[in-house]
Amino acid sequence: NGVGAVFMHAADAIHGDLGMIQADDFVIAISKSGDTAEIKVLVPLLRRRGVPLAALVANAHSYLARQADYVLHTPVRREACPHDLAPTTSTTAALALGDALAVCLLESRQFSAQDFARLHPGGTLGKRLYLTVGDLSRQNQRPEVAPAAPLREVLLEISGKRLGATAVLDEAGQLAGIITDGDLRRMLGRARLTELESLTARDIMTPQPATIGIEEFAAEALARMQARNITQLVVLEGGRFAGFIHLHDLLREGLV
């Protein structure tokens, strides 16, 4: 959510780490009982510093709850531990409430996916938020044929550019359609051998193919492929053909 935060153990705090807390910080103290010895030493020190204090605690009548400015009560009847000793249910409740607080803060600050990408560029999560279609499609060749191109030319273009498809562009360079490996197989299944030599790209192509803008996120390309059960999208830049993005591009980047 874009807010800086650090974890500090209560025992470490009273042995030197308390200096990490600054005057404009907000402290959330997490404890099941709220009555541990470390808490009872730490809380007065925090109060002297004048920092706001919230208690995320299971015992609403504890020392910590009484001293805090705000109480986030997480009551737990029994731990999942069969002996009702090891913190299990209580830690899960604290984690859930902590996540809820983080999401509320994210929404109140209007923290966007772009903000997240700026602060979390690493790993698959980061790639989903910053990697664009253009980052991947520009690495590919750009198979294209004219509507009047004969079948042989279509086959050579698809085979040579190794993307499993070719765009069909009209005389003005506008996208007229797409021919994929699947289109070729379906054509061979219904055409007579004597007709093959006369077939052109116009006869085989699928008009109005699925497209995506070059500036859109690669994760959106994956979503469109999955929704249509296809393996490539035509990439457009300013409404004009700019190449292809293939499922293999997304696999290579670990987005699938």
C-alpha atoms as a PDB file:
ATOM      1  CA  ASN A   1       0.000   0.000   0.000  1.00  0.00           C
ATOM      2  CA  GLY A   2       3.011   2.289  -0.269  1.00  0.00           C
ATOM      3  CA  VAL A   3       3.412   2.922   3.463  1.00  0.00           C
ATOM      4  CA  GLY A   4       6.780   2.085   4.986  1.00  0.00           C
ATOM      5  CA  ALA A   5       6.680  -0.469   7.801  1.00  0.00           C
ATOM      6  CA  VAL A   6       9.178  -2.430   9.878  1.00  0.00           C
ATOM      7  CA  PHE A   7       8.762  -5.357  12.264  1.00  0.00           C
ATOM      8  CA  MET A   8      10.245  -5.121  15.724  1.00  0.00           C
ATOM      9  CA  HIS A   9      10.129  -7.813  18.399  1.00  0.00           C
ATOM     10  CA  ALA A  10       9.248  -6.488  21.849  1.00  0.00           C
ATOM     11  CA  ALA A  11      12.329  -8.110  23.377  1.00  0.00           C
ATOM     12  CA  ASP A  12      14.578  -6.480  20.764  1.00  0.00           C
ATOM     13  CA  ALA A  13      12.867  -3.132  21.269  1.00  0.00           C
ATOM     14  CA  ILE A  14      13.796  -2.932  24.952  1.00  0.00           C
ATOM     15  CA  HIS A  15      17.374  -3.947  24.165  1.00  0.00           C
ATOM     16  CA  GLY A  16      18.277  -1.195  21.725  1.00  0.00           C
ATOM     17  CA  ASP A  17      15.949  -1.355  18.711  1.00  0.00           C
ATOM     18  CA  LEU A  18      13.538   1.173  20.177  1.00  0.00           C
ATOM     19  CA  GLY A  19      15.595   3.858  18.457  1.00  0.00           C
ATOM     20  CA  MET A  20      14.058   2.786  15.147  1.00  0.00           C
ATOM     21  CA  ILE A  21      10.739   4.335  16.173  1.00  0.00           C
ATOM     22  CA  GLN A  22      10.398   7.962  15.088  1.00  0.00           C
ATOM     23  CA  ALA A  23       8.090  10.697  16.355  1.00  0.00           C
ATOM     24  CA  ASP A  24       5.750  10.485  13.344  1.00  0.00           C
ATOM     25  CA  ASP A  25       5.410   6.686  13.439  1.00  0.00           C
ATOM     26  CA  PHE A  26       2.291   4.708  14.341  1.00  0.00           C
ATOM     27  CA  VAL A  27       2.840   1.560  16.403  1.00  0.00           C
ATOM     28  CA  ILE A  28       0.644  -1.537  16.176  1.00  0.00           C
ATOM     29  CA  ALA A  29       1.487  -3.867  19.061  1.00  0.00           C
ATOM     30  CA  ILE A  30       0.451  -7.480  18.412  1.00  0.00           C
ATOM     31  CA  SER A  31      -0.041  -9.805  21.364  1.00  0.00           C
ATOM     32  CA  LYS A  32      -2.461 -12.556  22.310  1.00  0.00           C
ATOM     33  CA  SER A  33      -2.495 -11.987  26.061  1.00  0.00           C
ATOM     34  CA  GLY A  34      -1.372  -8.362  26.109  1.00  0.00           C
ATOM     35  CA  ASP A  35       0.185  -9.001  29.511  1.00  0.00           C
ATOM     36  CA  THR A  36       3.707 -10.275  28.764  1.00  0.00           C
ATOM     37  CA  ALA A  37       6.657  -8.869  30.682  1.00  0.00           C
ATOM     38  CA  GLU A  38       8.182  -7.353  27.531  1.00  0.00           C
ATOM     39  CA  ILE A  39       4.934  -5.565  26.688  1.00  0.00           C
ATOM     40  CA  LYS A  40       4.704  -4.083  30.177  1.00  0.00           C
ATOM     41  CA  VAL A  41       8.221  -2.675  29.833  1.00  0.00           C
ATOM     42  CA  LEU A  42       7.777  -1.494  26.236  1.00  0.00           C
ATOM     43  CA  VAL A  43       4.429   0.291  26.440  1.00  0.00           C
ATOM     44  CA  PRO A  44       5.485   3.011  28.937  1.00  0.00           C
ATOM     45  CA  LEU A  45       8.518   3.751  26.773  1.00  0.00           C
ATOM     46  CA  LEU A  46       6.280   4.171  23.740  1.00  0.00           C
ATOM     47  CA  ARG A  47       3.934   6.444  25.666  1.00  0.00           C
ATOM     48  CA  ARG A  48       6.849   8.690  26.630  1.00  0.00           C
ATOM     49  CA  ARG A  49       7.724   9.051  22.969  1.00  0.00           C
ATOM     50  CA  GLY A  50       4.184  10.211  22.254  1.00  0.00           C
ATOM     51  CA  VAL A  51       3.601   7.877  19.312  1.00  0.00           C
ATOM     52  CA  PRO A  52       0.041   6.654  18.674  1.00  0.00           C
ATOM     53  CA  LEU A  53      -0.427   3.058  19.824  1.00  0.00           C
ATOM     54  CA  ALA A  54      -2.907   0.452  18.600  1.00  0.00           C
ATOM     55  CA  ALA A  55      -3.261  -2.915  20.314  1.00  0.00           C
ATOM     56  CA  LEU A  56      -4.062  -5.936  18.166  1.00  0.00           C
ATOM     57  CA  VAL A  57      -4.896  -8.262  21.015  1.00  0.00           C
ATOM     58  CA  ALA A  58      -7.090 -11.232  21.931  1.00  0.00           C
ATOM     59  CA  ASN A  59      -7.635 -10.068  25.518  1.00  0.00           C
ATOM     60  CA  ALA A  60      -9.596  -6.820  25.492  1.00  0.00           C
ATOM     61  CA  HIS A  61      -9.043  -6.357  29.251  1.00  0.00           C
ATOM     62  CA  SER A  62      -5.269  -6.778  29.149  1.00  0.00           C
ATOM     63  CA  TYR A  63      -2.624  -4.251  30.161  1.00  0.00           C
ATOM     64  CA  LEU A  64      -1.839  -3.557  26.499  1.00  0.00           C
ATOM     65  CA  ALA A  65      -5.490  -2.949  25.607  1.00  0.00           C
ATOM     66  CA  ARG A  66      -5.966  -0.558  28.534  1.00  0.00           C
ATOM     67  CA  GLN A  67      -2.896   1.486  27.608  1.00  0.00           C
ATOM     68  CA  ALA A  68      -3.494   1.675  23.856  1.00  0.00           C
ATOM     69  CA  ASP A  69      -5.141   4.525  21.968  1.00  0.00           C
ATOM     70  CA  TYR A  70      -6.955   2.016  19.763  1.00  0.00           C
ATOM     71  CA  VAL A  71      -7.891  -1.624  20.341  1.00  0.00           C
ATOM     72  CA  LEU A  72      -8.235  -4.134  17.512  1.00  0.00           C
ATOM     73  CA  HIS A  73      -9.872  -7.010  19.320  1.00  0.00           C
ATOM     74  CA  THR A  74      -9.292 -10.534  17.956  1.00  0.00           C
ATOM     75  CA  PRO A  75     -11.059 -12.809  20.458  1.00  0.00           C
ATOM     76  CA  VAL A  76     -10.240 -16.508  20.227  1.00  0.00           C
ATOM     77  CA  ARG A  77     -12.143 -19.154  22.181  1.00  0.00           C
ATOM     78  CA  ARG A  78      -9.608 -21.897  21.673  1.00  0.00           C
ATOM     79  CA  GLU A  79      -6.366 -22.489  19.808  1.00  0.00           C
ATOM     80  CA  ALA A  80      -6.234 -25.102  17.061  1.00  0.00           C
ATOM     81  CA  CYS A  81      -3.439 -26.727  19.032  1.00  0.00           C
ATOM     82  CA  PRO A  82      -4.945 -29.887  20.642  1.00  0.00           C
ATOM     83  CA  HIS A  83      -3.586 -28.730  24.001  1.00  0.00           C
ATOM     84  CA  ASP A  84      -4.933 -25.193  23.545  1.00  0.00           C
ATOM     85  CA  LEU A  85      -1.413 -23.898  24.125  1.00  0.00           C
ATOM     86  CA  ALA A  86       0.537 -23.096  20.946  1.00  0.00           C
ATOM     87  CA  PRO A  87      -0.699 -19.893  19.252  1.00  0.00           C
ATOM     88  CA  THR A  88      -2.436 -21.104  16.090  1.00  0.00           C
ATOM     89  CA  THR A  89      -5.967 -19.749  15.815  1.00  0.00           C
ATOM     90  CA  SER A  90      -4.899 -16.494  17.466  1.00  0.00           C
ATOM     91  CA  THR A  91      -2.013 -15.937  15.047  1.00  0.00           C
ATOM     92  CA  THR A  92      -4.317 -16.610  12.080  1.00  0.00           C
ATOM     93  CA  ALA A  93      -6.842 -14.086  13.410  1.00  0.00           C
ATOM     94  CA  ALA A  94      -4.096 -11.488  13.855  1.00  0.00           C
ATOM     95  CA  LEU A  95      -2.817 -12.137  10.331  1.00  0.00           C
ATOM     96  CA  ALA A  96      -6.304 -11.780   8.835  1.00  0.00           C
ATOM     97  CA  LEU A  97      -6.941  -8.493  10.617  1.00  0.00           C
ATOM     98  CA  GLY A  98      -3.511  -7.216   9.612  1.00  0.00           C
ATOM     99  CA  ASP A  99      -4.257  -8.000   5.967  1.00  0.00           C
ATOM    100  CA  ALA A 100      -7.622  -6.245   6.267  1.00  0.00           C
ATOM    101  CA  LEU A 101      -5.895  -3.144   7.639  1.00  0.00           C
ATOM    102  CA  ALA A 102      -3.384  -3.190   4.788  1.00  0.00           C
ATOM    103  CA  VAL A 103      -6.165  -3.380   2.188  1.00  0.00           C
ATOM    104  CA  CYS A 104      -8.121  -0.564   3.862  1.00  0.00           C
ATOM    105  CA  LEU A 105      -5.001   1.598   3.815  1.00  0.00           C
ATOM    106  CA  LEU A 106      -4.406   0.702   0.169  1.00  0.00           C
ATOM    107  CA  GLU A 107      -7.924   1.812  -0.758  1.00  0.00           C
ATOM    108  CA  SER A 108      -7.849   4.992   1.319  1.00  0.00           C
ATOM    109  CA  ARG A 109      -4.569   6.025  -0.332  1.00  0.00           C
ATOM    110  CA  GLN A 110      -5.927   5.075  -3.785  1.00  0.00           C
ATOM    111  CA  PHE A 111      -2.856   2.915  -4.285  1.00  0.00           C
ATOM    112  CA  SER A 112      -2.947   1.676  -7.890  1.00  0.00           C
ATOM    113  CA  ALA A 113      -1.523  -1.337  -9.699  1.00  0.00           C
ATOM    114  CA  GLN A 114       0.985   1.033 -11.307  1.00  0.00           C
ATOM    115  CA  ASP A 115       2.119   2.156  -7.838  1.00  0.00           C
ATOM    116  CA  PHE A 116       2.494  -1.487  -6.859  1.00  0.00           C
ATOM    117  CA  ALA A 117       4.595  -2.211  -9.945  1.00  0.00           C
ATOM    118  CA  ARG A 118       6.878   0.732  -9.157  1.00  0.00           C
ATOM    119  CA  LEU A 119       7.587  -0.614  -5.663  1.00  0.00           C
ATOM    120  CA  HIS A 120       7.441  -4.358  -6.417  1.00  0.00           C
ATOM    121  CA  PRO A 121       9.092  -4.919  -9.823  1.00  0.00           C
ATOM    122  CA  GLY A 122      10.587  -8.310  -8.963  1.00  0.00           C
ATOM    123  CA  GLY A 123       9.252 -11.804  -9.593  1.00  0.00           C
ATOM    124  CA  THR A 124       6.173 -12.935 -11.477  1.00  0.00           C
ATOM    125  CA  LEU A 125       3.952 -10.576  -9.502  1.00  0.00           C
ATOM    126  CA  GLY A 126       5.992  -7.593 -10.606  1.00  0.00           C
ATOM    127  CA  LYS A 127       6.067  -8.736 -14.225  1.00  0.00           C
ATOM    128  CA  ARG A 128       2.278  -8.928 -14.300  1.00  0.00           C
ATOM    129  CA  LEU A 129       2.198  -5.262 -13.367  1.00  0.00           C
ATOM    130  CA  TYR A 130       4.876  -3.736 -15.572  1.00  0.00           C
ATOM    131  CA  LEU A 131       5.640  -6.044 -18.523  1.00  0.00           C
ATOM    132  CA  THR A 132       3.813  -4.807 -21.624  1.00  0.00           C
ATOM    133  CA  VAL A 133       2.789  -6.525 -24.831  1.00  0.00           C
ATOM    134  CA  GLY A 134       5.343  -4.449 -26.716  1.00  0.00           C
ATOM    135  CA  ASP A 135       8.162  -5.633 -24.457  1.00  0.00           C
ATOM    136  CA  LEU A 136       7.550  -9.145 -25.792  1.00  0.00           C
ATOM    137  CA  SER A 137       6.133  -8.669 -29.291  1.00  0.00           C
ATOM    138  CA  ARG A 138       9.057  -6.528 -30.447  1.00  0.00           C
ATOM    139  CA  GLN A 139      11.306  -9.566 -30.010  1.00  0.00           C
ATOM    140  CA  ASN A 140       9.252 -11.543 -32.533  1.00  0.00           C
ATOM    141  CA  GLN A 141       9.289 -11.465 -36.302  1.00  0.00           C
ATOM    142  CA  ARG A 142       6.277  -9.965 -38.098  1.00  0.00           C
ATOM    143  CA  PRO A 143       4.685 -12.482 -40.462  1.00  0.00           C
ATOM    144  CA  GLU A 144       2.394 -10.812 -42.980  1.00  0.00           C
ATOM    145  CA  VAL A 145       0.968 -11.527 -46.427  1.00  0.00           C
ATOM    146  CA  ALA A 146      -1.327  -9.768 -48.873  1.00  0.00           C
ATOM    147  CA  PRO A 147      -4.907 -11.002 -49.403  1.00  0.00           C
ATOM    148  CA  ALA A 148      -3.956 -12.228 -52.896  1.00  0.00           C
ATOM    149  CA  ALA A 149      -0.935 -14.212 -51.675  1.00  0.00           C
ATOM    150  CA  PRO A 150      -1.051 -17.846 -52.896  1.00  0.00           C
ATOM    151  CA  LEU A 151      -1.176 -20.749 -50.470  1.00  0.00           C
ATOM    152  CA  ARG A 152       2.522 -21.535 -50.951  1.00  0.00           C
ATOM    153  CA  GLU A 153       3.522 -18.030 -49.860  1.00  0.00           C
ATOM    154  CA  VAL A 154       1.251 -18.271 -46.819  1.00  0.00           C
ATOM    155  CA  LEU A 155       2.826 -21.583 -45.788  1.00  0.00           C
ATOM    156  CA  LEU A 156       6.354 -20.243 -46.191  1.00  0.00           C
ATOM    157  CA  GLU A 157       5.572 -17.098 -44.197  1.00  0.00           C
ATOM    158  CA  ILE A 158       4.056 -19.025 -41.290  1.00  0.00           C
ATOM    159  CA  SER A 159       6.828 -21.626 -41.276  1.00  0.00           C
ATOM    160  CA  GLY A 160       9.626 -19.101 -41.651  1.00  0.00           C
ATOM    161  CA  LYS A 161       8.493 -16.696 -38.925  1.00  0.00           C
ATOM    162  CA  ARG A 162       7.703 -19.527 -36.470  1.00  0.00           C
ATOM    163  CA  LEU A 163       4.719 -17.961 -34.715  1.00  0.00           C
ATOM    164  CA  GLY A 164       2.048 -20.335 -35.967  1.00  0.00           C
ATOM    165  CA  ALA A 165       0.223 -17.563 -37.804  1.00  0.00           C
ATOM    166  CA  THR A 166       0.471 -14.698 -40.242  1.00  0.00           C
ATOM    167  CA  ALA A 167      -1.409 -11.442 -40.521  1.00  0.00           C
ATOM    168  CA  VAL A 168      -3.205 -10.579 -43.741  1.00  0.00           C
ATOM    169  CA  LEU A 169      -2.789  -6.888 -44.637  1.00  0.00           C
ATOM    170  CA  ASP A 170      -4.653  -5.051 -47.381  1.00  0.00           C
ATOM    171  CA  GLU A 171      -3.078  -2.601 -49.831  1.00  0.00           C
ATOM    172  CA  ALA A 172      -3.343   0.216 -47.281  1.00  0.00           C
ATOM    173  CA  GLY A 173      -1.494  -1.845 -44.684  1.00  0.00           C
ATOM    174  CA  GLN A 174      -4.632  -2.339 -42.607  1.00  0.00           C
ATOM    175  CA  LEU A 175      -5.343  -5.627 -40.875  1.00  0.00           C
ATOM    176  CA  ALA A 176      -7.746  -7.699 -42.952  1.00  0.00           C
ATOM    177  CA  GLY A 177      -7.468 -10.991 -41.109  1.00  0.00           C
ATOM    178  CA  ILE A 178      -5.272 -13.734 -39.724  1.00  0.00           C
ATOM    179  CA  ILE A 179      -4.270 -17.196 -40.901  1.00  0.00           C
ATOM    180  CA  THR A 180      -3.208 -19.676 -38.231  1.00  0.00           C
ATOM    181  CA  ASP A 181      -1.998 -23.256 -38.306  1.00  0.00           C
ATOM    182  CA  GLY A 182      -5.530 -24.207 -37.330  1.00  0.00           C
ATOM    183  CA  ASP A 183      -6.997 -22.336 -40.301  1.00  0.00           C
ATOM    184  CA  LEU A 184      -4.668 -24.262 -42.614  1.00  0.00           C
ATOM    185  CA  ARG A 185      -5.626 -27.621 -41.122  1.00  0.00           C
ATOM    186  CA  ARG A 186      -9.326 -26.841 -41.425  1.00  0.00           C
ATOM    187  CA  MET A 187      -8.836 -25.696 -45.015  1.00  0.00           C
ATOM    188  CA  LEU A 188      -6.991 -28.901 -45.932  1.00  0.00           C
ATOM    189  CA  GLY A 189      -9.797 -30.919 -44.388  1.00  0.00           C
ATOM    190  CA  ARG A 190     -12.466 -29.426 -46.634  1.00  0.00           C
ATOM    191  CA  ALA A 191     -10.654 -28.423 -49.858  1.00  0.00           C
ATOM    192  CA  ARG A 192     -10.047 -30.705 -52.807  1.00  0.00           C
ATOM    193  CA  LEU A 193      -6.463 -31.271 -53.913  1.00  0.00           C
ATOM    194  CA  THR A 194      -7.225 -29.698 -57.280  1.00  0.00           C
ATOM    195  CA  GLU A 195      -8.330 -26.490 -55.532  1.00  0.00           C
ATOM    196  CA  LEU A 196      -5.198 -25.934 -53.450  1.00  0.00           C
ATOM    197  CA  GLU A 197      -3.161 -24.167 -56.121  1.00  0.00           C
ATOM    198  CA  SER A 198      -5.876 -21.584 -56.683  1.00  0.00           C
ATOM    199  CA  LEU A 199      -6.426 -20.733 -53.013  1.00  0.00           C
ATOM    200  CA  THR A 200      -5.244 -17.354 -51.713  1.00  0.00           C
ATOM    201  CA  ALA A 201      -4.848 -15.842 -48.279  1.00  0.00           C
ATOM    202  CA  ARG A 202      -8.246 -14.171 -48.658  1.00  0.00           C
ATOM    203  CA  ASP A 203      -9.895 -17.589 -49.047  1.00  0.00           C
ATOM    204  CA  ILE A 204      -8.313 -19.001 -45.896  1.00  0.00           C
ATOM    205  CA  MET A 205      -8.077 -16.105 -43.459  1.00  0.00           C
ATOM    206  CA  THR A 206     -10.231 -15.431 -40.436  1.00  0.00           C
ATOM    207  CA  PRO A 207     -11.425 -11.803 -40.573  1.00  0.00           C
ATOM    208  CA  GLN A 208     -11.567  -9.584 -37.474  1.00  0.00           C
ATOM    209  CA  PRO A 209      -9.001 -11.534 -35.445  1.00  0.00           C
ATOM    210  CA  ALA A 210      -8.419 -11.057 -31.727  1.00  0.00           C
ATOM    211  CA  THR A 211      -6.108  -8.096 -31.123  1.00  0.00           C
ATOM    212  CA  ILE A 212      -4.408  -6.242 -28.304  1.00  0.00           C
ATOM    213  CA  GLY A 213      -2.722  -2.857 -28.035  1.00  0.00           C
ATOM    214  CA  ILE A 214       1.057  -2.758 -27.886  1.00  0.00           C
ATOM    215  CA  GLU A 215       0.965  -0.661 -24.701  1.00  0.00           C
ATOM    216  CA  GLU A 216      -1.288  -3.029 -22.743  1.00  0.00           C
ATOM    217  CA  PHE A 217       0.019  -5.340 -20.043  1.00  0.00           C
ATOM    218  CA  ALA A 218       1.236  -8.790 -21.053  1.00  0.00           C
ATOM    219  CA  ALA A 219      -0.980 -10.235 -18.307  1.00  0.00           C
ATOM    220  CA  GLU A 220      -4.009  -8.896 -20.188  1.00  0.00           C
ATOM    221  CA  ALA A 221      -2.801 -10.710 -23.316  1.00  0.00           C
ATOM    222  CA  LEU A 222      -2.766 -13.944 -21.335  1.00  0.00           C
ATOM    223  CA  ALA A 223      -6.302 -13.314 -20.075  1.00  0.00           C
ATOM    224  CA  ARG A 224      -7.592 -12.774 -23.631  1.00  0.00           C
ATOM    225  CA  MET A 225      -5.863 -15.892 -24.935  1.00  0.00           C
ATOM    226  CA  GLN A 226      -7.333 -17.979 -22.142  1.00  0.00           C
ATOM    227  CA  ALA A 227     -10.808 -16.524 -22.668  1.00  0.00           C
ATOM    228  CA  ARG A 228     -10.728 -17.371 -26.395  1.00  0.00           C
ATOM    229  CA  ASN A 229      -8.681 -20.580 -26.087  1.00  0.00           C
ATOM    230  CA  ILE A 230      -6.084 -19.327 -28.591  1.00  0.00           C
ATOM    231  CA  THR A 231      -2.293 -19.122 -28.543  1.00  0.00           C
ATOM    232  CA  GLN A 232      -1.545 -15.791 -30.228  1.00  0.00           C
ATOM    233  CA  LEU A 233      -2.908 -12.276 -30.554  1.00  0.00           C
ATOM    234  CA  VAL A 234      -2.363  -9.691 -33.256  1.00  0.00           C
ATOM    235  CA  VAL A 235      -0.634  -6.645 -31.779  1.00  0.00           C
ATOM    236  CA  LEU A 236      -1.780  -3.190 -32.869  1.00  0.00           C
ATOM    237  CA  GLU A 237      -0.023   0.139 -32.470  1.00  0.00           C
ATOM    238  CA  GLY A 238      -2.100   3.167 -33.297  1.00  0.00           C
ATOM    239  CA  GLY A 239      -4.636   0.864 -34.924  1.00  0.00           C
ATOM    240  CA  ARG A 240      -2.077  -0.646 -37.315  1.00  0.00           C
ATOM    241  CA  PHE A 241      -0.452  -4.069 -37.387  1.00  0.00           C
ATOM    242  CA  ALA A 242       2.640  -4.196 -35.164  1.00  0.00           C
ATOM    243  CA  GLY A 243       3.298  -7.921 -34.828  1.00  0.00           C
ATOM    244  CA  PHE A 244       2.222 -10.854 -32.696  1.00  0.00           C
ATOM    245  CA  ILE A 245       2.389 -11.927 -29.094  1.00  0.00           C
ATOM    246  CA  HIS A 246       2.408 -15.687 -28.566  1.00  0.00           C
ATOM    247  CA  LEU A 247       1.589 -17.854 -25.573  1.00  0.00           C
ATOM    248  CA  HIS A 248       5.199 -19.059 -25.659  1.00  0.00           C
ATOM    249  CA  ASP A 249       6.342 -15.472 -24.970  1.00  0.00           C
ATOM    250  CA  LEU A 250       4.275 -15.456 -21.793  1.00  0.00           C
ATOM    251  CA  LEU A 251       5.483 -18.916 -20.781  1.00  0.00           C
ATOM    252  CA  ARG A 252       9.084 -17.817 -21.228  1.00  0.00           C
ATOM    253  CA  GLU A 253       8.513 -14.892 -18.853  1.00  0.00           C
ATOM    254  CA  GLY A 254       6.842 -17.099 -16.247  1.00  0.00           C
ATOM    255  CA  LEU A 255       3.445 -15.411 -16.544  1.00  0.00           C
ATOM    256  CA  VAL A 256       1.609 -18.687 -17.141  1.00  0.00           C
END
